[in-house]
Amino acid sequence: MTIHEVKAKYEEQLMRLPNVTLVGVGQRGGKLVIRVGVTHKVPESALRQEDIVPKALDGVEVDVEESGPIEAQTP
């Protein structure tokens, strides 16, 4: 399965997690990863187990990045 297929498979599930604003593909250390943007990072100990972004999905690393809130812009 390609990284884009893994992203597509889990994107809806990830977007339902608290603070998640985007799911994409990016690089970390020269390696492709699934990038998950959150409004703000929260310690895992402050989250319910089911609300923690996994460290990997189907063998693909996941990188959580604080992106702040995402707002639509008007033209």
Protein backbone atom coordinates (compact mmCIF):
# COMPACT_ATOMS: atom_id res chain seq x y z
CA MET A 1 0.00 0.00 0.00
CA THR A 2 1.39 3.44 -0.90
CA ILE A 3 1.62 6.31 1.59
CA HIS A 4 -1.19 8.10 -0.26
CA GLU A 5 -3.41 5.01 0.03
CA VAL A 6 -2.66 4.79 3.77
CA LYS A 7 -3.49 8.50 4.17
CA ALA A 8 -6.77 8.07 2.29
CA LYS A 9 -7.64 5.00 4.39
CA TYR A 10 -7.21 6.81 7.74
CA GLU A 11 -7.88 10.48 6.93
CA GLU A 12 -11.53 10.53 8.00
CA GLN A 13 -10.74 8.71 11.25
CA LEU A 14 -7.86 11.09 12.06
CA MET A 15 -9.95 14.19 11.30
CA ARG A 16 -12.44 13.11 13.99
CA LEU A 17 -9.77 13.31 16.71
CA PRO A 18 -9.71 16.36 19.02
CA ASN A 19 -7.68 19.34 17.74
CA VAL A 20 -6.88 17.73 14.35
CA THR A 21 -7.17 20.28 11.53
CA LEU A 22 -5.44 18.60 8.60
CA VAL A 23 -3.99 15.33 7.33
CA GLY A 24 -1.39 15.27 4.58
CA VAL A 25 1.84 13.73 3.33
CA GLY A 26 5.16 15.36 4.14
CA GLN A 27 8.78 14.62 4.89
CA ARG A 28 10.71 14.13 8.10
CA GLY A 29 14.38 13.32 7.95
CA GLY A 30 14.18 12.74 4.19
CA LYS A 31 11.47 10.11 4.65
CA LEU A 32 7.80 10.39 3.60
CA VAL A 33 5.41 10.49 6.55
CA ILE A 34 1.75 11.15 7.16
CA ARG A 35 1.53 14.65 8.60
CA VAL A 36 -1.25 15.43 11.07
CA GLY A 37 -1.81 19.09 11.93
CA VAL A 38 -3.33 19.97 15.29
CA THR A 39 -4.46 23.30 16.74
CA HIS A 40 -2.18 22.71 19.70
CA LYS A 41 -0.19 19.79 21.04
CA VAL A 42 -1.50 18.12 24.17
CA PRO A 43 0.47 15.63 26.30
CA GLU A 44 -0.69 12.06 25.65
CA SER A 45 -1.37 11.74 29.39
CA ALA A 46 -4.09 14.42 29.04
CA LEU A 47 -5.90 12.52 26.26
CA ARG A 48 -8.14 9.48 26.30
CA GLN A 49 -6.42 6.49 24.71
CA GLU A 50 -8.78 6.57 21.71
CA ASP A 51 -7.97 10.27 21.09
CA ILE A 52 -4.20 9.80 20.69
CA VAL A 53 -2.82 10.15 17.16
CA PRO A 54 -1.00 6.87 16.41
CA LYS A 55 2.76 6.97 15.85
CA ALA A 56 2.38 4.80 12.72
CA LEU A 57 -0.41 3.57 10.44
CA ASP A 58 0.06 0.40 8.41
CA GLY A 59 3.82 0.76 8.83
CA VAL A 60 3.91 4.44 7.78
CA GLU A 61 5.25 6.92 10.36
CA VAL A 62 2.92 9.69 11.53
CA ASP A 63 4.24 13.15 12.42
CA VAL A 64 2.07 15.44 14.55
CA GLU A 65 2.70 19.12 13.94
CA GLU A 66 1.14 22.10 15.70
CA SER A 67 -0.47 24.22 12.98
CA GLY A 68 -2.86 26.39 14.97
CA PRO A 69 -6.49 26.84 14.04
CA ILE A 70 -7.39 26.71 10.35
CA GLU A 71 -9.94 29.27 9.16
CA ALA A 72 -11.54 29.79 5.78
CA GLN A 73 -10.63 33.06 4.12
CA THR A 74 -13.17 35.13 2.26
CA PRO A 75 -12.23 36.47 -1.18
